Amino acid sequence: MKTSVTTVPTDASWTHRRIDLENWDDVYVIGDVHGCIDALEELLETLEVDRDDLAVFVGDLVRKGPDSRAVIERVRTSSNLRSVRGNNEQKLLDGEKSLPRFGPTNHRYLESMPVAISWDGGLVVHGGVDPSRELSSHTAEELLTMRSPDADGGYDGPFWFDRYEGEPRVFFGHTVLEDPLETDGAVGLDTGCVYGGALTAYDVRREEFVSIDTDEHQSRPAEKFVSAGVV
């Protein structure tokens, strides 16, 4: 069964925003930043993002890296940078985690983050979708944390993107990949920036990845990197 952005109900418990790609020159989708402000600035400079270009983030702008506040403020104050909510933003909103000196303005920005951003043929969420169900049947938590519909969000697989062949094309993070993932139906962008991997963007117009290497901020076992690269 194909998921479809057209099935998002107006009374959904999670927020969804549409954008028109025709309003922007270049469009990029960027993977999990996790507070790595230097890597973010380097990537934006490499992409030569200006005010006529749009960058959409897959969430998890915060936690684990060196400066979550700087990352949030960079995105919050830039009209051409937008992000869906990730599970780490949700942890802050739920009071499960906290950040020092984060501030009420940044907290309100987290509250304003949509769970999904879409355009004709594309959908950005943090975690993913269940290929067997319509998008309208998903909860916010599922869209934030999906890895395997059968394994409680763990790394055992099979992963949702191994089975997803529907429309729209889903851009996602959350699952840490050894290399970016590209299939007809899915584009995976979390390449372990905060773990010494890379911060990765997908150029929607040119249909290609752009990545920059990063310094390690947290260690992560090798088995926690999914080997599922460009197909």
N, C-alpha and C. Protein backbone atom coordinates (compact mmCIF):
# COMPACT_ATOMS: atom_id res chain seq x y z
N MET A 1 0.84 -1.19 0.00
CA MET A 1 0.00 0.00 0.00
C MET A 1 0.88 1.24 0.00
N LYS A 2 0.60 2.19 -0.82
CA LYS A 2 1.38 3.41 -0.91
C LYS A 2 0.90 4.42 0.13
N THR A 3 1.88 5.08 0.78
CA THR A 3 1.53 6.20 1.62
C THR A 3 1.40 7.42 0.72
N SER A 4 0.63 8.40 1.17
CA SER A 4 0.39 9.57 0.33
C SER A 4 0.18 10.80 1.18
N VAL A 5 0.85 11.90 0.82
CA VAL A 5 0.68 13.13 1.59
C VAL A 5 -0.73 13.66 1.45
N THR A 6 -1.44 13.25 0.42
CA THR A 6 -2.80 13.75 0.24
C THR A 6 -3.75 13.22 1.30
N THR A 7 -3.32 12.20 2.06
CA THR A 7 -4.19 11.62 3.07
C THR A 7 -3.98 12.24 4.45
N VAL A 8 -3.13 13.27 4.58
CA VAL A 8 -2.93 13.90 5.88
C VAL A 8 -4.22 14.60 6.30
N PRO A 9 -4.84 14.20 7.41
CA PRO A 9 -6.10 14.82 7.82
C PRO A 9 -5.87 16.19 8.43
N THR A 10 -6.82 17.07 8.27
CA THR A 10 -6.67 18.42 8.81
C THR A 10 -6.70 18.43 10.33
N ASP A 11 -7.26 17.40 10.94
CA ASP A 11 -7.32 17.32 12.39
C ASP A 11 -6.30 16.34 12.95
N ALA A 12 -5.21 16.12 12.22
CA ALA A 12 -4.18 15.20 12.67
C ALA A 12 -3.59 15.68 13.99
N SER A 13 -3.14 14.71 14.81
CA SER A 13 -2.54 15.06 16.09
C SER A 13 -1.12 15.58 15.91
N TRP A 14 -0.60 15.53 14.70
CA TRP A 14 0.72 16.06 14.41
C TRP A 14 0.62 17.08 13.28
N THR A 15 1.56 18.02 13.28
CA THR A 15 1.50 19.13 12.33
C THR A 15 2.24 18.79 11.04
N HIS A 16 1.76 19.35 9.96
CA HIS A 16 2.28 19.08 8.63
C HIS A 16 2.29 20.39 7.85
N ARG A 17 3.37 20.66 7.14
CA ARG A 17 3.45 21.88 6.35
C ARG A 17 3.84 21.55 4.92
N ARG A 18 3.21 22.27 4.00
CA ARG A 18 3.50 22.13 2.58
C ARG A 18 4.39 23.28 2.13
N ILE A 19 5.29 22.99 1.21
CA ILE A 19 6.07 24.05 0.59
C ILE A 19 6.00 23.88 -0.93
N ASP A 20 6.21 24.98 -1.63
CA ASP A 20 6.22 24.99 -3.09
C ASP A 20 7.66 25.16 -3.55
N LEU A 21 8.23 24.13 -4.13
CA LEU A 21 9.63 24.19 -4.56
C LEU A 21 9.87 25.25 -5.62
N GLU A 22 8.82 25.64 -6.34
CA GLU A 22 9.00 26.64 -7.38
C GLU A 22 9.37 28.00 -6.82
N ASN A 23 9.18 28.21 -5.52
CA ASN A 23 9.53 29.48 -4.89
C ASN A 23 11.01 29.59 -4.56
N TRP A 24 11.78 28.52 -4.81
CA TRP A 24 13.18 28.49 -4.41
C TRP A 24 14.06 28.08 -5.59
N ASP A 25 15.28 28.62 -5.62
CA ASP A 25 16.22 28.25 -6.67
C ASP A 25 16.74 26.83 -6.45
N ASP A 26 17.56 26.65 -5.45
CA ASP A 26 18.06 25.32 -5.10
C ASP A 26 17.39 24.87 -3.81
N VAL A 27 17.21 23.56 -3.67
CA VAL A 27 16.56 22.98 -2.50
C VAL A 27 17.42 21.83 -1.99
N TYR A 28 17.69 21.85 -0.69
CA TYR A 28 18.50 20.81 -0.07
C TYR A 28 17.76 20.22 1.12
N VAL A 29 17.98 18.93 1.37
CA VAL A 29 17.51 18.30 2.60
C VAL A 29 18.76 17.84 3.35
N ILE A 30 18.84 18.19 4.64
CA ILE A 30 20.06 18.00 5.42
C ILE A 30 19.80 17.06 6.60
N GLY A 31 20.76 16.17 6.85
CA GLY A 31 20.64 15.17 7.89
C GLY A 31 20.81 15.70 9.30
N ASP A 32 20.79 14.78 10.26
CA ASP A 32 20.81 15.09 11.69
C ASP A 32 22.08 15.87 12.06
N VAL A 33 21.90 17.06 12.63
CA VAL A 33 23.02 17.93 12.98
C VAL A 33 23.50 17.70 14.41
N HIS A 34 22.60 17.46 15.34
CA HIS A 34 22.95 17.13 16.73
C HIS A 34 23.90 18.14 17.36
N GLY A 35 23.64 19.42 17.17
CA GLY A 35 24.43 20.44 17.85
C GLY A 35 25.79 20.71 17.26
N CYS A 36 26.10 20.16 16.09
CA CYS A 36 27.41 20.35 15.46
C CYS A 36 27.39 21.61 14.60
N ILE A 37 27.50 22.76 15.24
CA ILE A 37 27.34 24.04 14.56
C ILE A 37 28.44 24.28 13.53
N ASP A 38 29.67 23.92 13.83
CA ASP A 38 30.76 24.15 12.87
C ASP A 38 30.54 23.34 11.60
N ALA A 39 30.12 22.10 11.75
CA ALA A 39 29.86 21.27 10.57
C ALA A 39 28.70 21.84 9.77
N LEU A 40 27.68 22.34 10.45
CA LEU A 40 26.54 22.93 9.75
C LEU A 40 26.97 24.14 8.94
N GLU A 41 27.72 25.03 9.55
CA GLU A 41 28.16 26.23 8.83
C GLU A 41 29.04 25.86 7.64
N GLU A 42 29.90 24.87 7.81
CA GLU A 42 30.76 24.44 6.70
C GLU A 42 29.94 23.86 5.57
N LEU A 43 28.92 23.08 5.91
CA LEU A 43 28.08 22.49 4.86
C LEU A 43 27.29 23.56 4.12
N LEU A 44 26.70 24.50 4.85
CA LEU A 44 25.95 25.57 4.20
C LEU A 44 26.85 26.40 3.29
N GLU A 45 28.09 26.62 3.72
CA GLU A 45 29.04 27.36 2.89
C GLU A 45 29.42 26.54 1.66
N THR A 46 29.62 25.25 1.83
CA THR A 46 29.96 24.37 0.70
C THR A 46 28.84 24.36 -0.33
N LEU A 47 27.59 24.34 0.16
CA LEU A 47 26.44 24.34 -0.74
C LEU A 47 26.17 25.71 -1.35
N GLU A 48 26.79 26.73 -0.77
CA GLU A 48 26.57 28.12 -1.21
C GLU A 48 25.09 28.50 -1.11
N VAL A 49 24.50 28.15 0.03
CA VAL A 49 23.10 28.46 0.27
C VAL A 49 22.93 29.96 0.47
N ASP A 50 22.08 30.57 -0.34
CA ASP A 50 21.77 31.98 -0.13
C ASP A 50 20.27 32.12 0.12
N ARG A 51 19.79 33.35 0.21
CA ARG A 51 18.40 33.58 0.62
C ARG A 51 17.37 33.11 -0.40
N ASP A 52 17.81 32.81 -1.62
CA ASP A 52 16.90 32.28 -2.64
C ASP A 52 16.87 30.76 -2.67
N ASP A 53 17.67 30.13 -1.81
CA ASP A 53 17.72 28.68 -1.71
C ASP A 53 17.04 28.23 -0.41
N LEU A 54 16.56 27.01 -0.40
CA LEU A 54 15.88 26.45 0.77
C LEU A 54 16.63 25.22 1.26
N ALA A 55 16.83 25.15 2.58
CA ALA A 55 17.37 23.95 3.21
C ALA A 55 16.37 23.45 4.24
N VAL A 56 16.00 22.18 4.12
CA VAL A 56 15.06 21.55 5.05
C VAL A 56 15.82 20.47 5.82
N PHE A 57 15.69 20.50 7.14
CA PHE A 57 16.38 19.54 7.99
C PHE A 57 15.44 18.42 8.41
N VAL A 58 16.01 17.23 8.61
CA VAL A 58 15.20 16.06 8.97
C VAL A 58 15.01 15.94 10.48
N GLY A 59 15.35 16.97 11.24
CA GLY A 59 15.18 16.93 12.69
C GLY A 59 16.43 16.48 13.41
N ASP A 60 16.35 16.41 14.74
CA ASP A 60 17.50 16.17 15.60
C ASP A 60 18.58 17.21 15.34
N LEU A 61 18.18 18.46 15.41
CA LEU A 61 19.14 19.55 15.39
C LEU A 61 19.92 19.60 16.70
N VAL A 62 19.34 19.03 17.75
CA VAL A 62 19.86 19.23 19.11
C VAL A 62 20.38 17.95 19.74
N ARG A 63 21.11 18.16 20.88
CA ARG A 63 21.63 17.14 21.78
C ARG A 63 22.82 16.37 21.19
N LYS A 64 23.65 15.92 22.10
CA LYS A 64 24.82 15.06 21.87
C LYS A 64 26.03 15.83 21.38
N GLY A 65 25.86 16.84 20.53
CA GLY A 65 26.98 17.62 20.02
C GLY A 65 27.29 18.84 20.88
N PRO A 66 28.23 19.67 20.43
CA PRO A 66 28.78 20.73 21.29
C PRO A 66 27.89 21.95 21.50
N ASP A 67 27.00 22.31 20.58
CA ASP A 67 26.29 23.59 20.73
C ASP A 67 24.91 23.54 20.10
N SER A 68 24.00 22.89 20.80
CA SER A 68 22.62 22.78 20.31
C SER A 68 21.96 24.14 20.19
N ARG A 69 22.22 25.02 21.14
CA ARG A 69 21.60 26.35 21.12
C ARG A 69 21.99 27.11 19.86
N ALA A 70 23.25 27.06 19.48
CA ALA A 70 23.71 27.77 18.29
C ALA A 70 23.05 27.22 17.03
N VAL A 71 22.87 25.90 16.97
CA VAL A 71 22.25 25.30 15.80
C VAL A 71 20.79 25.74 15.69
N ILE A 72 20.06 25.65 16.81
CA ILE A 72 18.65 26.05 16.81
C ILE A 72 18.52 27.52 16.43
N GLU A 73 19.34 28.37 16.98
CA GLU A 73 19.23 29.80 16.68
C GLU A 73 19.60 30.09 15.23
N ARG A 74 20.53 29.34 14.68
CA ARG A 74 20.88 29.52 13.27
C ARG A 74 19.70 29.19 12.37
N VAL A 75 19.02 28.10 12.67
CA VAL A 75 17.87 27.69 11.86
C VAL A 75 16.67 28.58 12.14
N ARG A 76 16.42 28.87 13.40
CA ARG A 76 15.24 29.66 13.80
C ARG A 76 15.25 31.05 13.19
N THR A 77 16.42 31.66 13.07
CA THR A 77 16.51 33.05 12.61
C THR A 77 16.74 33.18 11.11
N SER A 78 16.72 32.07 10.38
CA SER A 78 16.95 32.09 8.93
C SER A 78 15.67 31.69 8.21
N SER A 79 15.13 32.58 7.41
CA SER A 79 13.84 32.34 6.76
C SER A 79 13.90 31.21 5.73
N ASN A 80 15.08 30.88 5.28
CA ASN A 80 15.22 29.84 4.26
C ASN A 80 15.74 28.52 4.82
N LEU A 81 15.78 28.40 6.16
CA LEU A 81 16.14 27.16 6.81
C LEU A 81 14.93 26.69 7.62
N ARG A 82 14.52 25.45 7.40
CA ARG A 82 13.34 24.91 8.07
C ARG A 82 13.60 23.48 8.50
N SER A 83 12.91 23.04 9.53
CA SER A 83 13.16 21.70 10.03
C SER A 83 11.89 21.05 10.52
N VAL A 84 11.81 19.74 10.32
CA VAL A 84 10.80 18.95 11.01
C VAL A 84 11.31 18.64 12.41
N ARG A 85 10.43 18.16 13.25
CA ARG A 85 10.79 17.79 14.62
C ARG A 85 11.39 16.39 14.63
N GLY A 86 12.47 16.24 15.39
CA GLY A 86 13.06 14.93 15.59
C GLY A 86 12.74 14.39 16.98
N ASN A 87 13.11 13.15 17.23
CA ASN A 87 12.83 12.58 18.55
C ASN A 87 13.60 13.28 19.65
N ASN A 88 14.76 13.88 19.32
CA ASN A 88 15.50 14.60 20.36
C ASN A 88 14.88 15.95 20.68
N GLU A 89 14.27 16.62 19.72
CA GLU A 89 13.48 17.79 20.05
C GLU A 89 12.29 17.40 20.93
N GLN A 90 11.67 16.26 20.60
CA GLN A 90 10.52 15.82 21.38
C GLN A 90 10.92 15.50 22.82
N LYS A 91 12.10 14.94 23.03
CA LYS A 91 12.57 14.65 24.38
C LYS A 91 12.70 15.92 25.21
N LEU A 92 13.13 17.01 24.59
CA LEU A 92 13.21 18.29 25.30
C LEU A 92 11.81 18.80 25.62
N LEU A 93 10.90 18.70 24.66
CA LEU A 93 9.53 19.18 24.88
C LEU A 93 8.83 18.37 25.96
N ASP A 94 9.11 17.10 26.05
CA ASP A 94 8.47 16.23 27.04
C ASP A 94 9.11 16.33 28.41
N GLY A 95 10.23 17.06 28.50
CA GLY A 95 10.94 17.17 29.77
C GLY A 95 11.78 15.96 30.11
N GLU A 96 11.94 15.06 29.14
CA GLU A 96 12.75 13.87 29.36
C GLU A 96 14.23 14.21 29.38
N LYS A 97 14.62 15.22 28.59
CA LYS A 97 15.99 15.72 28.54
C LYS A 97 15.95 17.24 28.65
N SER A 98 17.10 17.82 28.97
CA SER A 98 17.18 19.27 29.06
C SER A 98 18.54 19.74 28.56
N LEU A 99 18.61 21.02 28.23
CA LEU A 99 19.85 21.64 27.79
C LEU A 99 20.07 22.92 28.58
N PRO A 100 21.28 23.18 29.05
CA PRO A 100 21.53 24.39 29.83
C PRO A 100 21.42 25.65 28.97
N ARG A 101 20.84 26.69 29.54
CA ARG A 101 20.75 28.02 28.91
C ARG A 101 20.10 27.96 27.52
N PHE A 102 19.15 27.06 27.35
CA PHE A 102 18.52 26.92 26.05
C PHE A 102 17.55 28.06 25.77
N GLY A 103 16.80 28.46 26.77
CA GLY A 103 15.96 29.65 26.66
C GLY A 103 14.56 29.40 26.17
N PRO A 104 13.60 30.23 26.63
CA PRO A 104 12.19 30.03 26.26
C PRO A 104 11.91 30.27 24.78
N THR A 105 12.63 31.19 24.15
CA THR A 105 12.39 31.44 22.72
C THR A 105 12.73 30.21 21.89
N ASN A 106 13.84 29.58 22.20
CA ASN A 106 14.21 28.36 21.47
C ASN A 106 13.26 27.22 21.80
N HIS A 107 12.77 27.17 23.03
CA HIS A 107 11.80 26.13 23.39
C HIS A 107 10.51 26.31 22.59
N ARG A 108 10.07 27.55 22.46
CA ARG A 108 8.86 27.80 21.67
C ARG A 108 9.08 27.43 20.21
N TYR A 109 10.29 27.64 19.72
CA TYR A 109 10.57 27.23 18.34
C TYR A 109 10.44 25.72 18.18
N LEU A 110 10.92 24.96 19.16
CA LEU A 110 10.74 23.51 19.10
C LEU A 110 9.27 23.15 19.04
N GLU A 111 8.45 23.85 19.83
CA GLU A 111 7.01 23.59 19.83
C GLU A 111 6.39 23.85 18.47
N SER A 112 6.96 24.80 17.72
CA SER A 112 6.40 25.17 16.41
C SER A 112 6.81 24.25 15.29
N MET A 113 7.79 23.40 15.53
CA MET A 113 8.29 22.52 14.46
C MET A 113 7.21 21.55 14.01
N PRO A 114 6.98 21.42 12.71
CA PRO A 114 6.04 20.41 12.23
C PRO A 114 6.65 19.02 12.31
N VAL A 115 5.83 18.02 12.35
CA VAL A 115 6.31 16.64 12.31
C VAL A 115 6.64 16.23 10.88
N ALA A 116 6.01 16.86 9.90
CA ALA A 116 6.26 16.54 8.49
C ALA A 116 6.25 17.81 7.65
N ILE A 117 7.10 17.83 6.64
CA ILE A 117 7.11 18.86 5.60
C ILE A 117 7.03 18.14 4.27
N SER A 118 6.20 18.64 3.37
CA SER A 118 6.06 17.96 2.08
C SER A 118 6.00 18.94 0.93
N TRP A 119 6.25 18.41 -0.24
CA TRP A 119 6.04 19.10 -1.50
C TRP A 119 5.57 18.05 -2.50
N ASP A 120 5.23 18.46 -3.68
CA ASP A 120 4.76 17.50 -4.68
C ASP A 120 5.82 16.43 -4.91
N GLY A 121 5.51 15.21 -4.51
CA GLY A 121 6.43 14.09 -4.72
C GLY A 121 7.42 13.86 -3.62
N GLY A 122 7.45 14.70 -2.57
CA GLY A 122 8.44 14.54 -1.51
C GLY A 122 7.84 14.73 -0.13
N LEU A 123 8.38 14.00 0.84
CA LEU A 123 7.94 14.09 2.23
C LEU A 123 9.17 14.01 3.12
N VAL A 124 9.30 14.95 4.06
CA VAL A 124 10.40 14.94 5.02
C VAL A 124 9.83 14.61 6.40
N VAL A 125 10.32 13.54 7.02
CA VAL A 125 10.00 13.21 8.40
C VAL A 125 11.31 12.77 9.06
N HIS A 126 11.30 12.71 10.38
CA HIS A 126 12.55 12.33 11.05
C HIS A 126 12.83 10.84 10.96
N GLY A 127 11.84 10.03 11.33
CA GLY A 127 12.07 8.59 11.42
C GLY A 127 11.76 7.83 10.15
N GLY A 128 10.51 7.86 9.74
CA GLY A 128 10.11 7.13 8.54
C GLY A 128 8.63 6.80 8.57
N VAL A 129 8.23 5.88 7.71
CA VAL A 129 6.83 5.49 7.58
C VAL A 129 6.73 3.97 7.53
N ASP A 130 5.56 3.49 7.87
CA ASP A 130 5.27 2.06 7.73
C ASP A 130 4.74 1.82 6.33
N PRO A 131 5.46 1.06 5.49
CA PRO A 131 5.04 0.88 4.10
C PRO A 131 3.67 0.22 3.94
N SER A 132 3.17 -0.44 4.97
CA SER A 132 1.91 -1.16 4.85
C SER A 132 0.70 -0.32 5.18
N ARG A 133 0.90 0.95 5.57
CA ARG A 133 -0.20 1.76 6.04
C ARG A 133 -0.21 3.13 5.38
N GLU A 134 -1.39 3.74 5.32
CA GLU A 134 -1.51 5.09 4.82
C GLU A 134 -0.88 6.07 5.81
N LEU A 135 -0.37 7.16 5.29
CA LEU A 135 0.27 8.16 6.13
C LEU A 135 -0.68 8.70 7.19
N SER A 136 -1.94 8.84 6.83
CA SER A 136 -2.91 9.41 7.75
C SER A 136 -3.12 8.55 8.99
N SER A 137 -2.72 7.28 8.95
CA SER A 137 -2.91 6.39 10.09
C SER A 137 -1.74 6.43 11.06
N HIS A 138 -0.66 7.13 10.71
CA HIS A 138 0.52 7.17 11.56
C HIS A 138 0.34 8.16 12.71
N THR A 139 0.91 7.84 13.86
CA THR A 139 0.98 8.79 14.95
C THR A 139 2.24 9.63 14.80
N ALA A 140 2.30 10.74 15.53
CA ALA A 140 3.50 11.57 15.52
C ALA A 140 4.70 10.77 16.00
N GLU A 141 4.52 9.98 17.06
CA GLU A 141 5.64 9.19 17.58
C GLU A 141 6.18 8.23 16.53
N GLU A 142 5.31 7.63 15.76
CA GLU A 142 5.77 6.71 14.72
C GLU A 142 6.60 7.44 13.67
N LEU A 143 6.16 8.60 13.24
CA LEU A 143 6.91 9.35 12.24
C LEU A 143 8.25 9.84 12.77
N LEU A 144 8.33 10.05 14.09
CA LEU A 144 9.56 10.51 14.72
C LEU A 144 10.56 9.39 14.95
N THR A 145 10.09 8.17 15.15
CA THR A 145 10.98 7.10 15.64
C THR A 145 11.02 5.85 14.77
N MET A 146 10.33 5.82 13.65
CA MET A 146 10.25 4.61 12.83
C MET A 146 11.63 4.16 12.33
N ARG A 147 11.95 2.91 12.57
CA ARG A 147 13.07 2.23 11.93
C ARG A 147 12.55 0.95 11.29
N SER A 148 12.11 0.05 12.15
CA SER A 148 11.49 -1.18 11.66
C SER A 148 10.09 -1.29 12.24
N PRO A 149 9.08 -1.42 11.41
CA PRO A 149 7.72 -1.58 11.94
C PRO A 149 7.56 -2.80 12.83
N ASP A 150 8.50 -3.76 12.73
CA ASP A 150 8.37 -5.03 13.45
C ASP A 150 9.33 -5.17 14.63
N ALA A 151 10.14 -4.12 14.90
CA ALA A 151 11.20 -4.31 15.91
C ALA A 151 11.27 -3.16 16.91
N ASP A 152 10.15 -2.51 17.20
CA ASP A 152 10.09 -1.49 18.24
C ASP A 152 11.14 -0.39 18.06
N GLY A 153 11.40 0.00 16.85
CA GLY A 153 12.30 1.12 16.61
C GLY A 153 13.77 0.80 16.75
N GLY A 154 14.14 -0.48 16.91
CA GLY A 154 15.53 -0.85 17.09
C GLY A 154 16.29 -1.00 15.79
N TYR A 155 17.52 -1.51 15.91
CA TYR A 155 18.42 -1.65 14.77
C TYR A 155 18.48 -3.07 14.23
N ASP A 156 17.52 -3.90 14.60
CA ASP A 156 17.56 -5.30 14.16
C ASP A 156 17.03 -5.49 12.74
N GLY A 157 16.17 -4.57 12.27
CA GLY A 157 15.61 -4.69 10.94
C GLY A 157 14.57 -5.81 10.85
N PRO A 158 13.98 -6.01 9.68
CA PRO A 158 14.19 -5.23 8.46
C PRO A 158 13.67 -3.80 8.62
N PHE A 159 14.36 -2.88 7.97
CA PHE A 159 14.02 -1.48 8.11
C PHE A 159 12.89 -1.11 7.15
N TRP A 160 12.17 -0.07 7.54
CA TRP A 160 11.02 0.34 6.72
C TRP A 160 11.45 0.69 5.31
N PHE A 161 12.64 1.30 5.15
CA PHE A 161 13.07 1.75 3.83
C PHE A 161 13.52 0.59 2.94
N ASP A 162 13.72 -0.59 3.52
CA ASP A 162 14.01 -1.77 2.71
C ASP A 162 12.78 -2.24 1.95
N ARG A 163 11.60 -1.87 2.45
CA ARG A 163 10.35 -2.36 1.87
C ARG A 163 9.51 -1.26 1.22
N TYR A 164 9.91 -0.02 1.41
CA TYR A 164 9.08 1.09 0.92
C TYR A 164 9.32 1.34 -0.56
N GLU A 165 8.27 1.25 -1.34
CA GLU A 165 8.36 1.50 -2.79
C GLU A 165 7.29 2.47 -3.24
N GLY A 166 6.68 3.15 -2.32
CA GLY A 166 5.54 3.99 -2.65
C GLY A 166 5.91 5.41 -3.00
N GLU A 167 4.90 6.22 -3.02
CA GLU A 167 5.04 7.64 -3.19
C GLU A 167 4.37 8.30 -1.99
N PRO A 168 4.85 9.44 -1.54
CA PRO A 168 5.95 10.24 -2.08
C PRO A 168 7.32 9.66 -1.71
N ARG A 169 8.36 10.26 -2.25
CA ARG A 169 9.70 9.90 -1.83
C ARG A 169 9.92 10.47 -0.44
N VAL A 170 10.40 9.62 0.48
CA VAL A 170 10.53 10.02 1.88
C VAL A 170 11.99 10.33 2.19
N PHE A 171 12.24 11.54 2.69
CA PHE A 171 13.56 11.97 3.16
C PHE A 171 13.57 11.83 4.67
N PHE A 172 14.60 11.18 5.24
CA PHE A 172 14.57 10.85 6.65
C PHE A 172 15.96 10.86 7.27
N GLY A 173 15.98 10.88 8.60
CA GLY A 173 17.20 10.75 9.39
C GLY A 173 17.04 9.61 10.37
N HIS A 174 17.47 9.85 11.63
CA HIS A 174 17.20 8.96 12.76
C HIS A 174 17.99 7.67 12.74
N THR A 175 18.01 6.95 11.65
CA THR A 175 18.78 5.71 11.53
C THR A 175 20.16 6.06 11.00
N VAL A 176 21.19 5.81 11.82
CA VAL A 176 22.55 6.20 11.47
C VAL A 176 23.10 5.25 10.40
N LEU A 177 23.50 5.82 9.29
CA LEU A 177 23.95 5.05 8.12
C LEU A 177 25.44 5.21 7.90
N GLU A 178 26.08 4.16 7.44
CA GLU A 178 27.49 4.26 7.06
C GLU A 178 27.66 5.23 5.89
N ASP A 179 26.72 5.18 4.96
CA ASP A 179 26.73 6.04 3.77
C ASP A 179 25.30 6.49 3.51
N PRO A 180 25.12 7.60 2.81
CA PRO A 180 23.76 8.04 2.48
C PRO A 180 23.02 6.95 1.71
N LEU A 181 21.72 6.92 1.90
CA LEU A 181 20.87 5.94 1.24
C LEU A 181 20.01 6.63 0.20
N GLU A 182 19.96 6.07 -1.00
CA GLU A 182 19.08 6.60 -2.04
C GLU A 182 18.43 5.44 -2.78
N THR A 183 17.10 5.39 -2.73
CA THR A 183 16.31 4.47 -3.53
C THR A 183 15.25 5.29 -4.24
N ASP A 184 14.44 4.64 -5.04
CA ASP A 184 13.36 5.38 -5.70
C ASP A 184 12.40 5.99 -4.68
N GLY A 185 12.22 5.30 -3.54
CA GLY A 185 11.23 5.75 -2.58
C GLY A 185 11.76 6.46 -1.36
N ALA A 186 13.07 6.36 -1.07
CA ALA A 186 13.58 6.88 0.19
C ALA A 186 14.98 7.46 0.02
N VAL A 187 15.26 8.49 0.84
CA VAL A 187 16.58 9.11 0.88
C VAL A 187 16.97 9.25 2.35
N GLY A 188 18.01 8.51 2.78
CA GLY A 188 18.46 8.53 4.17
C GLY A 188 19.66 9.42 4.34
N LEU A 189 19.61 10.30 5.36
CA LEU A 189 20.58 11.39 5.46
C LEU A 189 21.33 11.45 6.79
N ASP A 190 21.05 10.57 7.74
CA ASP A 190 21.81 10.59 8.99
C ASP A 190 23.06 9.74 8.80
N THR A 191 24.18 10.39 8.57
CA THR A 191 25.44 9.69 8.37
C THR A 191 26.39 9.92 9.55
N GLY A 192 25.82 10.05 10.76
CA GLY A 192 26.61 10.03 11.98
C GLY A 192 27.48 11.24 12.21
N CYS A 193 26.96 12.42 11.90
CA CYS A 193 27.73 13.65 12.09
C CYS A 193 28.35 13.73 13.49
N VAL A 194 27.55 13.49 14.51
CA VAL A 194 28.03 13.67 15.88
C VAL A 194 28.93 12.52 16.34
N TYR A 195 29.01 11.46 15.55
CA TYR A 195 29.83 10.30 15.89
C TYR A 195 31.11 10.22 15.07
N GLY A 196 31.49 11.32 14.46
CA GLY A 196 32.70 11.32 13.65
C GLY A 196 32.49 10.85 12.23
N GLY A 197 31.23 10.77 11.81
CA GLY A 197 30.92 10.42 10.43
C GLY A 197 30.91 11.65 9.55
N ALA A 198 29.77 11.92 8.93
CA ALA A 198 29.66 13.06 8.02
C ALA A 198 28.32 13.75 8.24
N LEU A 199 28.26 15.01 7.87
CA LEU A 199 26.99 15.73 7.77
C LEU A 199 26.64 15.77 6.30
N THR A 200 25.46 15.29 5.97
CA THR A 200 25.10 15.05 4.57
C THR A 200 23.87 15.83 4.16
N ALA A 201 23.91 16.38 2.95
CA ALA A 201 22.77 17.05 2.33
C ALA A 201 22.44 16.35 1.03
N TYR A 202 21.17 16.43 0.64
CA TYR A 202 20.75 15.93 -0.67
C TYR A 202 20.29 17.12 -1.48
N ASP A 203 20.89 17.29 -2.65
CA ASP A 203 20.53 18.36 -3.58
C ASP A 203 19.34 17.87 -4.40
N VAL A 204 18.16 18.41 -4.09
CA VAL A 204 16.93 17.93 -4.72
C VAL A 204 16.91 18.21 -6.21
N ARG A 205 17.41 19.36 -6.62
CA ARG A 205 17.41 19.71 -8.06
C ARG A 205 18.34 18.80 -8.86
N ARG A 206 19.54 18.56 -8.34
CA ARG A 206 20.55 17.80 -9.09
C ARG A 206 20.54 16.31 -8.74
N GLU A 207 19.75 15.95 -7.73
CA GLU A 207 19.62 14.56 -7.30
C GLU A 207 20.99 13.96 -6.96
N GLU A 208 21.71 14.63 -6.04
CA GLU A 208 23.01 14.14 -5.63
C GLU A 208 23.28 14.53 -4.17
N PHE A 209 24.16 13.76 -3.54
CA PHE A 209 24.54 14.02 -2.16
C PHE A 209 25.76 14.94 -2.08
N VAL A 210 25.81 15.73 -1.02
CA VAL A 210 26.99 16.52 -0.68
C VAL A 210 27.25 16.28 0.80
N SER A 211 28.45 15.80 1.14
CA SER A 211 28.78 15.49 2.53
C SER A 211 30.09 16.15 2.92
N ILE A 212 30.19 16.49 4.21
CA ILE A 212 31.46 16.94 4.76
C ILE A 212 31.80 16.07 5.95
N ASP A 213 33.08 15.74 6.10
CA ASP A 213 33.52 14.93 7.24
C ASP A 213 33.51 15.78 8.50
N THR A 214 33.31 15.11 9.64
CA THR A 214 33.24 15.83 10.92
C THR A 214 34.16 15.17 11.94
N ASP A 215 34.49 15.94 12.99
CA ASP A 215 35.25 15.39 14.11
C ASP A 215 34.30 14.66 15.05
N GLU A 216 34.80 13.64 15.70
CA GLU A 216 33.96 12.85 16.60
C GLU A 216 33.63 13.62 17.86
N HIS A 217 32.36 13.62 18.25
CA HIS A 217 31.93 14.22 19.51
C HIS A 217 31.46 13.17 20.49
N GLN A 218 30.91 12.07 20.00
CA GLN A 218 30.52 10.95 20.83
C GLN A 218 30.92 9.66 20.13
N SER A 219 31.26 8.64 20.91
CA SER A 219 31.60 7.35 20.32
C SER A 219 30.32 6.55 20.08
N ARG A 220 30.39 5.64 19.13
CA ARG A 220 29.24 4.81 18.80
C ARG A 220 29.76 3.48 18.27
N PRO A 221 29.26 2.36 18.78
CA PRO A 221 29.73 1.05 18.28
C PRO A 221 29.50 0.91 16.78
N ALA A 222 30.41 0.22 16.12
CA ALA A 222 30.31 0.07 14.66
C ALA A 222 29.02 -0.60 14.24
N GLU A 223 28.51 -1.51 15.09
CA GLU A 223 27.27 -2.19 14.72
C GLU A 223 26.05 -1.30 14.76
N LYS A 224 26.22 -0.09 15.29
CA LYS A 224 25.11 0.87 15.33
C LYS A 224 25.12 1.79 14.10
N PHE A 225 25.95 1.48 13.12
CA PHE A 225 25.90 2.14 11.82
C PHE A 225 25.32 1.14 10.84
N VAL A 226 24.23 1.51 10.20
CA VAL A 226 23.57 0.60 9.27
C VAL A 226 24.28 0.65 7.91
N SER A 227 24.62 -0.49 7.39
CA SER A 227 25.27 -0.59 6.10
C SER A 227 24.19 -0.65 5.02
N ALA A 228 23.79 0.52 4.57
CA ALA A 228 22.73 0.61 3.55
C ALA A 228 22.98 1.86 2.74
N GLY A 229 23.89 1.80 1.79
CA GLY A 229 24.30 2.98 1.06
C GLY A 229 23.44 3.23 -0.17
N VAL A 230 23.98 4.05 -1.07
CA VAL A 230 23.28 4.42 -2.28
C VAL A 230 22.99 3.19 -3.12
N VAL A 231 21.73 3.02 -3.51
CA VAL A 231 21.31 1.86 -4.30
C VAL A 231 21.14 2.27 -5.75
